[in-house]
Amino acid sequence: MLVSFNQLICTLDGEPLALTENRAAWRCSKGHSFDIAKQGYVNLLPVQHKRSKDPGDSKAMVAARREFLQQGFYQPIAKAISTIVRAEAARADAESCFPVLDAGCGEGYYLRELLADADIQQHQVAAVGLDISKWAVMAASKTCENVRWIVGTNAHLPIADQSIDCVLCVFGFPVPSEFLRVLKPNGCLLMVEPEAGHLHELKNVIYADVKQETERSLTMDGFIHKESSHVRYVAELPNNQQIQNLFSMTPHYYRASAEGKQRVAELASLKVQIAVGIHVFKGIATSSSSIE
């Protein structure tokens, strides 16, 4: 059962936010007010927390990602995430709410897949999706109601201390201190990151020389690593549109030369390796808690 998450804080002064009587805005006791957009999301990203006028993914990038993910190319990753979160929810107090934060939610794909899981629906899940891109959050809010969709930044999460059971950070930008602050004492952090070989075939097209990949460190300030699982498979992209959609989702889109982009544009189809690690972390203060 999906329930509302209401433990938001003002990004200007840290005070708790409350919905106004007409449910049109969030307001703190000091009078700061944040209107709820007609699509249902709220923008809690103040100007001083922006590094550009329009930070995060552009409208075009969000559309490409949505089209790519809707085709199911990353569905095995979403399924693996759901399996872990489902196990965490089962260990939580059955009578209490289980808040999940997708920190860097993009257009909401992984959170939607999680909430569609029949076993997850047996729990009182309060879902929060946050992204710095207003275009991503706008797209997400159109496809999944009853989720608290927020434009914000992981560097200053507009969420109360110790109010979240599970933080998801999928191909995102982790801020360990903020994740630790918002997690409940026995909460968990799920980091999803690319591993060696991920998108290797695409990189071979983009670059003349593909550098050897090194293993990523499994350390996170304030956290202890508990376990990892790995998702590996080959995805068949049947046309150039889907190849371009994937390309635009990756950092390689910005790093590629004009020649590399041209080679991608000439591809008719592509088989590409997907290789990611899903790493579970617990706060050091709760490191004695085991994941069974």
C-alpha atoms as a PDB file:
ATOM      1  CA  MET A   1       0.000   0.000   0.000  1.00  0.00           C
ATOM      2  CA  LEU A   2       1.426   3.357  -1.046  1.00  0.00           C
ATOM      3  CA  VAL A   3       1.201   6.110   1.572  1.00  0.00           C
ATOM      4  CA  SER A   4       2.250   9.763   1.475  1.00  0.00           C
ATOM      5  CA  PHE A   5       5.641  10.930   2.711  1.00  0.00           C
ATOM      6  CA  ASN A   6       5.314  14.245   4.542  1.00  0.00           C
ATOM      7  CA  GLN A   7       8.587  14.651   6.433  1.00  0.00           C
ATOM      8  CA  LEU A   8       9.999  17.398   4.238  1.00  0.00           C
ATOM      9  CA  ILE A   9      12.116  20.305   5.428  1.00  0.00           C
ATOM     10  CA  CYS A  10      12.647  23.825   4.132  1.00  0.00           C
ATOM     11  CA  THR A  11      15.826  24.126   2.093  1.00  0.00           C
ATOM     12  CA  LEU A  12      16.238  27.729   3.255  1.00  0.00           C
ATOM     13  CA  ASP A  13      16.176  27.247   7.019  1.00  0.00           C
ATOM     14  CA  GLY A  14      15.812  23.514   7.775  1.00  0.00           C
ATOM     15  CA  GLU A  15      12.415  23.926   9.418  1.00  0.00           C
ATOM     16  CA  PRO A  16       9.710  21.256   8.868  1.00  0.00           C
ATOM     17  CA  LEU A  17       7.383  21.860   5.934  1.00  0.00           C
ATOM     18  CA  ALA A  18       3.633  21.344   6.131  1.00  0.00           C
ATOM     19  CA  LEU A  19       0.990  21.260   3.442  1.00  0.00           C
ATOM     20  CA  THR A  20      -1.267  24.293   3.346  1.00  0.00           C
ATOM     21  CA  GLU A  21      -4.982  23.772   3.966  1.00  0.00           C
ATOM     22  CA  ASN A  22      -5.772  23.912   0.260  1.00  0.00           C
ATOM     23  CA  ARG A  23      -2.861  21.485  -0.413  1.00  0.00           C
ATOM     24  CA  ALA A  24      -1.473  23.882  -3.022  1.00  0.00           C
ATOM     25  CA  ALA A  25       1.879  24.529  -1.360  1.00  0.00           C
ATOM     26  CA  TRP A  26       4.377  23.480   1.305  1.00  0.00           C
ATOM     27  CA  ARG A  27       5.153  26.081   3.972  1.00  0.00           C
ATOM     28  CA  CYS A  28       7.466  26.314   6.975  1.00  0.00           C
ATOM     29  CA  SER A  29       6.857  28.160  10.267  1.00  0.00           C
ATOM     30  CA  LYS A  30       9.052  31.054   9.106  1.00  0.00           C
ATOM     31  CA  GLY A  31       6.814  31.729   6.119  1.00  0.00           C
ATOM     32  CA  HIS A  32       8.819  30.224   3.264  1.00  0.00           C
ATOM     33  CA  SER A  33       6.364  28.747   0.775  1.00  0.00           C
ATOM     34  CA  PHE A  34       6.839  26.343  -2.138  1.00  0.00           C
ATOM     35  CA  ASP A  35       3.988  25.918  -4.611  1.00  0.00           C
ATOM     36  CA  ILE A  36       2.964  22.475  -5.847  1.00  0.00           C
ATOM     37  CA  ALA A  37       3.004  22.345  -9.653  1.00  0.00           C
ATOM     38  CA  LYS A  38      -0.098  21.241 -11.516  1.00  0.00           C
ATOM     39  CA  GLN A  39       1.696  17.953 -12.310  1.00  0.00           C
ATOM     40  CA  GLY A  40       1.977  17.312  -8.552  1.00  0.00           C
ATOM     41  CA  TYR A  41       5.681  17.869  -7.884  1.00  0.00           C
ATOM     42  CA  VAL A  42       7.307  20.564  -5.730  1.00  0.00           C
ATOM     43  CA  ASN A  43      10.484  22.488  -6.507  1.00  0.00           C
ATOM     44  CA  LEU A  44      12.656  22.650  -3.378  1.00  0.00           C
ATOM     45  CA  LEU A  45      15.843  23.686  -5.165  1.00  0.00           C
ATOM     46  CA  PRO A  46      16.702  27.285  -4.233  1.00  0.00           C
ATOM     47  CA  VAL A  47      18.727  29.413  -6.628  1.00  0.00           C
ATOM     48  CA  GLN A  48      21.789  29.352  -4.356  1.00  0.00           C
ATOM     49  CA  HIS A  49      21.960  25.539  -4.670  1.00  0.00           C
ATOM     50  CA  LYS A  50      22.042  25.639  -8.474  1.00  0.00           C
ATOM     51  CA  ARG A  51      25.290  25.515 -10.438  1.00  0.00           C
ATOM     52  CA  SER A  52      23.557  26.553 -13.640  1.00  0.00           C
ATOM     53  CA  LYS A  53      20.280  28.113 -14.714  1.00  0.00           C
ATOM     54  CA  ASP A  54      18.789  24.762 -15.724  1.00  0.00           C
ATOM     55  CA  PRO A  55      20.772  22.009 -13.947  1.00  0.00           C
ATOM     56  CA  GLY A  56      20.565  18.293 -14.609  1.00  0.00           C
ATOM     57  CA  ASP A  57      19.279  16.464 -17.648  1.00  0.00           C
ATOM     58  CA  SER A  58      17.676  18.476 -20.425  1.00  0.00           C
ATOM     59  CA  LYS A  59      14.142  17.883 -21.689  1.00  0.00           C
ATOM     60  CA  ALA A  60      15.541  16.024 -24.721  1.00  0.00           C
ATOM     61  CA  MET A  61      17.766  13.802 -22.583  1.00  0.00           C
ATOM     62  CA  VAL A  62      14.865  12.925 -20.300  1.00  0.00           C
ATOM     63  CA  ALA A  63      12.728  11.959 -23.310  1.00  0.00           C
ATOM     64  CA  ALA A  64      15.513   9.739 -24.692  1.00  0.00           C
ATOM     65  CA  ARG A  65      16.007   8.013 -21.347  1.00  0.00           C
ATOM     66  CA  ARG A  66      12.277   7.448 -20.922  1.00  0.00           C
ATOM     67  CA  GLU A  67      11.972   5.886 -24.382  1.00  0.00           C
ATOM     68  CA  PHE A  68      14.988   3.643 -23.804  1.00  0.00           C
ATOM     69  CA  LEU A  69      13.943   2.435 -20.366  1.00  0.00           C
ATOM     70  CA  GLN A  70      10.331   1.829 -21.414  1.00  0.00           C
ATOM     71  CA  GLN A  71      11.619  -0.763 -23.893  1.00  0.00           C
ATOM     72  CA  GLY A  72      12.832  -2.869 -20.940  1.00  0.00           C
ATOM     73  CA  PHE A  73      16.551  -2.855 -21.767  1.00  0.00           C
ATOM     74  CA  TYR A  74      17.393  -2.220 -18.088  1.00  0.00           C
ATOM     75  CA  GLN A  75      14.524  -4.210 -16.608  1.00  0.00           C
ATOM     76  CA  PRO A  76      16.849  -6.865 -15.074  1.00  0.00           C
ATOM     77  CA  ILE A  77      18.528  -4.067 -13.092  1.00  0.00           C
ATOM     78  CA  ALA A  78      15.163  -2.802 -11.860  1.00  0.00           C
ATOM     79  CA  LYS A  79      14.153  -6.341 -10.874  1.00  0.00           C
ATOM     80  CA  ALA A  80      17.367  -6.858  -8.889  1.00  0.00           C
ATOM     81  CA  ILE A  81      16.812  -3.559  -7.048  1.00  0.00           C
ATOM     82  CA  SER A  82      13.238  -4.564  -6.198  1.00  0.00           C
ATOM     83  CA  THR A  83      14.416  -7.904  -4.812  1.00  0.00           C
ATOM     84  CA  ILE A  84      16.773  -6.222  -2.357  1.00  0.00           C
ATOM     85  CA  VAL A  85      14.314  -3.517  -1.290  1.00  0.00           C
ATOM     86  CA  ARG A  86      11.593  -6.140  -0.859  1.00  0.00           C
ATOM     87  CA  ALA A  87      13.841  -8.066   1.539  1.00  0.00           C
ATOM     88  CA  GLU A  88      14.585  -4.884   3.486  1.00  0.00           C
ATOM     89  CA  ALA A  89      10.891  -4.037   3.738  1.00  0.00           C
ATOM     90  CA  ALA A  90      10.112  -7.549   4.980  1.00  0.00           C
ATOM     91  CA  ARG A  91      12.589  -7.095   7.837  1.00  0.00           C
ATOM     92  CA  ALA A  92      11.080  -3.754   8.870  1.00  0.00           C
ATOM     93  CA  ASP A  93       8.268  -3.319  11.356  1.00  0.00           C
ATOM     94  CA  ALA A  94       5.164  -4.540   9.532  1.00  0.00           C
ATOM     95  CA  GLU A  95       3.023  -1.975  11.355  1.00  0.00           C
ATOM     96  CA  SER A  96       5.127   1.028  10.381  1.00  0.00           C
ATOM     97  CA  CYS A  97       5.611   2.944   7.169  1.00  0.00           C
ATOM     98  CA  PHE A  98       8.616   2.065   4.959  1.00  0.00           C
ATOM     99  CA  PRO A  99       9.865   5.264   3.271  1.00  0.00           C
ATOM    100  CA  VAL A 100      12.061   4.862   0.164  1.00  0.00           C
ATOM    101  CA  LEU A 101      14.008   7.731  -1.382  1.00  0.00           C
ATOM    102  CA  ASP A 102      15.239   7.524  -4.977  1.00  0.00           C
ATOM    103  CA  ALA A 103      18.034  10.108  -4.863  1.00  0.00           C
ATOM    104  CA  GLY A 104      18.549  11.053  -8.496  1.00  0.00           C
ATOM    105  CA  CYS A 105      15.324   9.478  -9.728  1.00  0.00           C
ATOM    106  CA  GLY A 106      15.465  10.743 -13.305  1.00  0.00           C
ATOM    107  CA  GLU A 107      12.128  10.174 -15.006  1.00  0.00           C
ATOM    108  CA  GLY A 108      11.140   7.703 -12.288  1.00  0.00           C
ATOM    109  CA  TYR A 109      11.677   4.335 -13.986  1.00  0.00           C
ATOM    110  CA  TYR A 110      13.277   2.415 -11.105  1.00  0.00           C
ATOM    111  CA  LEU A 111      10.842   3.759  -8.521  1.00  0.00           C
ATOM    112  CA  ARG A 112       7.868   2.877 -10.736  1.00  0.00           C
ATOM    113  CA  GLU A 113       9.196  -0.647 -11.250  1.00  0.00           C
ATOM    114  CA  LEU A 114       9.712  -1.019  -7.515  1.00  0.00           C
ATOM    115  CA  LEU A 115       6.202   0.134  -6.668  1.00  0.00           C
ATOM    116  CA  ALA A 116       4.732  -2.242  -9.258  1.00  0.00           C
ATOM    117  CA  ASP A 117       6.202  -5.208  -7.349  1.00  0.00           C
ATOM    118  CA  ALA A 118       3.285  -7.146  -5.818  1.00  0.00           C
ATOM    119  CA  ASP A 119       5.256  -8.020  -2.670  1.00  0.00           C
ATOM    120  CA  ILE A 120       6.244  -4.389  -2.114  1.00  0.00           C
ATOM    121  CA  GLN A 121       2.581  -3.425  -2.353  1.00  0.00           C
ATOM    122  CA  GLN A 122       1.908  -5.497   0.776  1.00  0.00           C
ATOM    123  CA  HIS A 123       3.895  -2.962   2.812  1.00  0.00           C
ATOM    124  CA  GLN A 124       3.093   0.633   3.705  1.00  0.00           C
ATOM    125  CA  VAL A 125       5.608   2.196   1.332  1.00  0.00           C
ATOM    126  CA  ALA A 126       6.100   5.954   1.225  1.00  0.00           C
ATOM    127  CA  ALA A 127       7.963   6.773  -1.978  1.00  0.00           C
ATOM    128  CA  VAL A 128      10.014   9.893  -2.633  1.00  0.00           C
ATOM    129  CA  GLY A 129      11.654  10.673  -5.977  1.00  0.00           C
ATOM    130  CA  LEU A 130      14.170  13.514  -6.106  1.00  0.00           C
ATOM    131  CA  ASP A 131      16.198  14.885  -9.007  1.00  0.00           C
ATOM    132  CA  ILE A 132      17.983  18.129  -9.781  1.00  0.00           C
ATOM    133  CA  SER A 133      16.439  18.201 -13.271  1.00  0.00           C
ATOM    134  CA  LYS A 134      13.007  19.823 -13.307  1.00  0.00           C
ATOM    135  CA  TRP A 135      12.363  18.124 -16.675  1.00  0.00           C
ATOM    136  CA  ALA A 136      13.014  14.694 -15.177  1.00  0.00           C
ATOM    137  CA  VAL A 137      10.765  15.299 -12.170  1.00  0.00           C
ATOM    138  CA  MET A 138       8.047  16.769 -14.364  1.00  0.00           C
ATOM    139  CA  ALA A 139       8.105  13.654 -16.556  1.00  0.00           C
ATOM    140  CA  ALA A 140       8.111  11.354 -13.508  1.00  0.00           C
ATOM    141  CA  SER A 141       5.157  13.092 -11.882  1.00  0.00           C
ATOM    142  CA  LYS A 142       3.039  12.542 -14.993  1.00  0.00           C
ATOM    143  CA  THR A 143       3.459   8.764 -14.875  1.00  0.00           C
ATOM    144  CA  CYS A 144       3.133   7.813 -11.212  1.00  0.00           C
ATOM    145  CA  GLU A 145       0.808   9.434  -8.699  1.00  0.00           C
ATOM    146  CA  ASN A 146       1.006   9.216  -4.901  1.00  0.00           C
ATOM    147  CA  VAL A 147       4.797   9.537  -5.024  1.00  0.00           C
ATOM    148  CA  ARG A 148       6.345  12.631  -3.471  1.00  0.00           C
ATOM    149  CA  TRP A 149       8.204  14.039  -6.499  1.00  0.00           C
ATOM    150  CA  ILE A 150      10.743  16.741  -5.677  1.00  0.00           C
ATOM    151  CA  VAL A 151      13.125  18.941  -7.628  1.00  0.00           C
ATOM    152  CA  GLY A 152      16.144  19.093  -5.351  1.00  0.00           C
ATOM    153  CA  THR A 153      19.777  18.163  -4.883  1.00  0.00           C
ATOM    154  CA  ASN A 154      21.454  15.282  -3.065  1.00  0.00           C
ATOM    155  CA  ALA A 155      23.846  17.828  -1.566  1.00  0.00           C
ATOM    156  CA  HIS A 156      20.984  19.402   0.436  1.00  0.00           C
ATOM    157  CA  LEU A 157      18.189  16.858   0.745  1.00  0.00           C
ATOM    158  CA  PRO A 158      14.918  18.559   1.761  1.00  0.00           C
ATOM    159  CA  ILE A 159      14.090  15.596   3.985  1.00  0.00           C
ATOM    160  CA  ALA A 160      13.942  15.284   7.777  1.00  0.00           C
ATOM    161  CA  ASP A 161      16.659  13.540   9.785  1.00  0.00           C
ATOM    162  CA  GLN A 162      16.271   9.771  10.231  1.00  0.00           C
ATOM    163  CA  SER A 163      13.033   9.582   8.230  1.00  0.00           C
ATOM    164  CA  ILE A 164      14.013   7.176   5.404  1.00  0.00           C
ATOM    165  CA  ASP A 165      14.345   3.379   5.520  1.00  0.00           C
ATOM    166  CA  CYS A 166      16.023   2.929   2.133  1.00  0.00           C
ATOM    167  CA  VAL A 167      17.959   5.295  -0.136  1.00  0.00           C
ATOM    168  CA  LEU A 168      18.426   4.321  -3.788  1.00  0.00           C
ATOM    169  CA  CYS A 169      21.233   5.930  -5.762  1.00  0.00           C
ATOM    170  CA  VAL A 170      21.121   4.454  -9.276  1.00  0.00           C
ATOM    171  CA  PHE A 171      23.943   5.670 -11.552  1.00  0.00           C
ATOM    172  CA  GLY A 172      23.772   8.829  -9.466  1.00  0.00           C
ATOM    173  CA  PHE A 173      25.888  11.232  -7.460  1.00  0.00           C
ATOM    174  CA  PRO A 174      26.113  10.054  -3.844  1.00  0.00           C
ATOM    175  CA  VAL A 175      26.473  12.457  -0.942  1.00  0.00           C
ATOM    176  CA  PRO A 176      27.233  10.081   1.969  1.00  0.00           C
ATOM    177  CA  SER A 177      26.784  12.662   4.727  1.00  0.00           C
ATOM    178  CA  GLU A 178      23.292  13.571   3.526  1.00  0.00           C
ATOM    179  CA  PHE A 179      22.292   9.960   2.954  1.00  0.00           C
ATOM    180  CA  LEU A 180      23.449   9.104   6.470  1.00  0.00           C
ATOM    181  CA  ARG A 181      21.525  12.033   7.930  1.00  0.00           C
ATOM    182  CA  VAL A 182      18.158  11.103   6.410  1.00  0.00           C
ATOM    183  CA  LEU A 183      18.413   7.326   6.975  1.00  0.00           C
ATOM    184  CA  LYS A 184      16.822   5.723  10.005  1.00  0.00           C
ATOM    185  CA  PRO A 185      19.278   4.007  12.396  1.00  0.00           C
ATOM    186  CA  ASN A 186      18.860   0.644  10.662  1.00  0.00           C
ATOM    187  CA  GLY A 187      18.216   2.011   7.182  1.00  0.00           C
ATOM    188  CA  CYS A 188      20.132   0.959   4.102  1.00  0.00           C
ATOM    189  CA  LEU A 189      21.733   2.602   1.086  1.00  0.00           C
ATOM    190  CA  LEU A 190      21.624   0.872  -2.309  1.00  0.00           C
ATOM    191  CA  MET A 191      24.270   2.083  -4.722  1.00  0.00           C
ATOM    192  CA  VAL A 192      23.974   0.938  -8.339  1.00  0.00           C
ATOM    193  CA  GLU A 193      27.131   1.516 -10.369  1.00  0.00           C
ATOM    194  CA  PRO A 194      28.625   0.334 -13.672  1.00  0.00           C
ATOM    195  CA  GLU A 195      31.265  -2.402 -13.519  1.00  0.00           C
ATOM    196  CA  ALA A 196      34.078  -3.444 -15.835  1.00  0.00           C
ATOM    197  CA  GLY A 197      32.730  -4.265 -19.279  1.00  0.00           C
ATOM    198  CA  HIS A 198      29.606  -2.128 -18.981  1.00  0.00           C
ATOM    199  CA  LEU A 199      28.698  -0.760 -22.439  1.00  0.00           C
ATOM    200  CA  HIS A 200      32.087  -1.941 -23.722  1.00  0.00           C
ATOM    201  CA  GLU A 201      30.858  -2.376 -27.289  1.00  0.00           C
ATOM    202  CA  LEU A 202      29.459   1.164 -27.384  1.00  0.00           C
ATOM    203  CA  LYS A 203      32.709   2.576 -26.014  1.00  0.00           C
ATOM    204  CA  ASN A 204      34.630   0.753 -28.731  1.00  0.00           C
ATOM    205  CA  VAL A 205      32.589   2.634 -31.308  1.00  0.00           C
ATOM    206  CA  ILE A 206      32.925   6.018 -29.579  1.00  0.00           C
ATOM    207  CA  TYR A 207      36.633   5.979 -28.780  1.00  0.00           C
ATOM    208  CA  ALA A 208      39.708   5.062 -30.792  1.00  0.00           C
ATOM    209  CA  ASP A 209      41.362   3.829 -27.590  1.00  0.00           C
ATOM    210  CA  VAL A 210      39.297   2.413 -24.715  1.00  0.00           C
ATOM    211  CA  LYS A 211      41.134   2.635 -21.404  1.00  0.00           C
ATOM    212  CA  GLN A 212      41.351  -0.336 -19.056  1.00  0.00           C
ATOM    213  CA  GLU A 213      38.718  -0.044 -16.353  1.00  0.00           C
ATOM    214  CA  THR A 214      39.674  -0.285 -12.691  1.00  0.00           C
ATOM    215  CA  GLU A 215      37.582  -1.754  -9.903  1.00  0.00           C
ATOM    216  CA  ARG A 216      35.669   0.834  -7.912  1.00  0.00           C
ATOM    217  CA  SER A 217      36.218   1.177  -4.176  1.00  0.00           C
ATOM    218  CA  LEU A 218      33.417  -0.138  -1.992  1.00  0.00           C
ATOM    219  CA  THR A 219      34.003   2.459   0.701  1.00  0.00           C
ATOM    220  CA  MET A 220      31.520   5.144   1.640  1.00  0.00           C
ATOM    221  CA  ASP A 221      32.185   7.668   4.408  1.00  0.00           C
ATOM    222  CA  GLY A 222      29.996   6.879   7.423  1.00  0.00           C
ATOM    223  CA  PHE A 223      28.861   3.535   6.000  1.00  0.00           C
ATOM    224  CA  ILE A 224      29.970  -0.065   6.049  1.00  0.00           C
ATOM    225  CA  HIS A 225      29.595  -2.272   2.993  1.00  0.00           C
ATOM    226  CA  LYS A 226      27.326  -5.245   3.729  1.00  0.00           C
ATOM    227  CA  GLU A 227      26.862  -7.097   0.454  1.00  0.00           C
ATOM    228  CA  SER A 228      26.907  -6.822  -3.326  1.00  0.00           C
ATOM    229  CA  SER A 229      25.086  -8.470  -6.196  1.00  0.00           C
ATOM    230  CA  HIS A 230      25.920  -8.288  -9.875  1.00  0.00           C
ATOM    231  CA  VAL A 231      23.727  -8.003 -12.958  1.00  0.00           C
ATOM    232  CA  ARG A 232      25.305  -8.996 -16.285  1.00  0.00           C
ATOM    233  CA  TYR A 233      23.631  -9.649 -19.622  1.00  0.00           C
ATOM    234  CA  VAL A 234      23.697  -8.613 -23.271  1.00  0.00           C
ATOM    235  CA  ALA A 235      21.112  -6.158 -24.568  1.00  0.00           C
ATOM    236  CA  GLU A 236      20.269  -6.114 -28.278  1.00  0.00           C
ATOM    237  CA  LEU A 237      19.493  -2.616 -29.541  1.00  0.00           C
ATOM    238  CA  PRO A 238      17.575  -3.125 -32.796  1.00  0.00           C
ATOM    239  CA  ASN A 239      17.917   0.308 -34.361  1.00  0.00           C
ATOM    240  CA  ASN A 240      19.906   3.522 -34.282  1.00  0.00           C
ATOM    241  CA  GLN A 241      17.229   5.393 -32.344  1.00  0.00           C
ATOM    242  CA  GLN A 242      17.664   3.130 -29.312  1.00  0.00           C
ATOM    243  CA  ILE A 243      21.449   3.305 -29.665  1.00  0.00           C
ATOM    244  CA  GLN A 244      21.245   7.101 -29.688  1.00  0.00           C
ATOM    245  CA  ASN A 245      18.905   7.009 -26.673  1.00  0.00           C
ATOM    246  CA  LEU A 246      21.422   4.928 -24.703  1.00  0.00           C
ATOM    247  CA  PHE A 247      24.325   7.088 -25.858  1.00  0.00           C
ATOM    248  CA  SER A 248      22.620  10.265 -24.648  1.00  0.00           C
ATOM    249  CA  MET A 249      22.040   8.690 -21.205  1.00  0.00           C
ATOM    250  CA  THR A 250      25.746   8.217 -20.582  1.00  0.00           C
ATOM    251  CA  PRO A 251      28.641  10.556 -19.709  1.00  0.00           C
ATOM    252  CA  HIS A 252      30.231   9.458 -22.997  1.00  0.00           C
ATOM    253  CA  TYR A 253      27.798  11.719 -24.859  1.00  0.00           C
ATOM    254  CA  TYR A 254      29.667  14.747 -23.485  1.00  0.00           C
ATOM    255  CA  ARG A 255      33.135  13.240 -23.791  1.00  0.00           C
ATOM    256  CA  ALA A 256      32.879  11.914 -27.339  1.00  0.00           C
ATOM    257  CA  SER A 257      34.543  13.645 -30.249  1.00  0.00           C
ATOM    258  CA  ALA A 258      32.614  14.655 -33.343  1.00  0.00           C
ATOM    259  CA  GLU A 259      34.090  11.622 -35.081  1.00  0.00           C
ATOM    260  CA  GLY A 260      32.939   9.314 -32.292  1.00  0.00           C
ATOM    261  CA  LYS A 261      29.416  10.719 -32.409  1.00  0.00           C
ATOM    262  CA  GLN A 262      29.356  10.228 -36.168  1.00  0.00           C
ATOM    263  CA  ARG A 263      30.354   6.567 -35.821  1.00  0.00           C
ATOM    264  CA  VAL A 264      27.487   6.047 -33.354  1.00  0.00           C
ATOM    265  CA  ALA A 265      25.089   7.768 -35.766  1.00  0.00           C
ATOM    266  CA  GLU A 266      26.027   5.263 -38.484  1.00  0.00           C
ATOM    267  CA  LEU A 267      25.180   2.143 -36.438  1.00  0.00           C
ATOM    268  CA  ALA A 268      22.135   0.179 -37.578  1.00  0.00           C
ATOM    269  CA  SER A 269      22.035  -2.105 -34.515  1.00  0.00           C
ATOM    270  CA  LEU A 270      24.229  -3.048 -31.581  1.00  0.00           C
ATOM    271  CA  LYS A 271      24.647  -5.831 -29.042  1.00  0.00           C
ATOM    272  CA  VAL A 272      25.986  -4.293 -25.850  1.00  0.00           C
ATOM    273  CA  GLN A 273      27.052  -5.771 -22.520  1.00  0.00           C
ATOM    274  CA  ILE A 274      25.275  -4.517 -19.408  1.00  0.00           C
ATOM    275  CA  ALA A 275      27.340  -4.972 -16.243  1.00  0.00           C
ATOM    276  CA  VAL A 276      26.383  -3.304 -12.973  1.00  0.00           C
ATOM    277  CA  GLY A 277      26.946  -3.864  -9.283  1.00  0.00           C
ATOM    278  CA  ILE A 278      24.285  -3.281  -6.633  1.00  0.00           C
ATOM    279  CA  HIS A 279      25.985  -2.511  -3.336  1.00  0.00           C
ATOM    280  CA  VAL A 280      24.209  -2.455   0.022  1.00  0.00           C
ATOM    281  CA  PHE A 281      25.555  -0.189   2.759  1.00  0.00           C
ATOM    282  CA  LYS A 282      24.522   0.385   6.364  1.00  0.00           C
ATOM    283  CA  GLY A 283      25.488   3.277   8.593  1.00  0.00           C
ATOM    284  CA  ILE A 284      28.546   2.511  10.730  1.00  0.00           C
ATOM    285  CA  ALA A 285      26.507   3.033  13.885  1.00  0.00           C
ATOM    286  CA  THR A 286      24.311   0.097  12.812  1.00  0.00           C
ATOM    287  CA  SER A 287      27.034  -2.089  11.332  1.00  0.00           C
ATOM    288  CA  SER A 288      26.222  -4.869  13.789  1.00  0.00           C
ATOM    289  CA  SER A 289      22.877  -5.307  12.016  1.00  0.00           C
ATOM    290  CA  SER A 290      23.122  -8.198   9.578  1.00  0.00           C
ATOM    291  CA  ILE A 291      21.527  -8.658   6.185  1.00  0.00           C
ATOM    292  CA  GLU A 292      20.340 -12.190   6.071  1.00  0.00           C
END
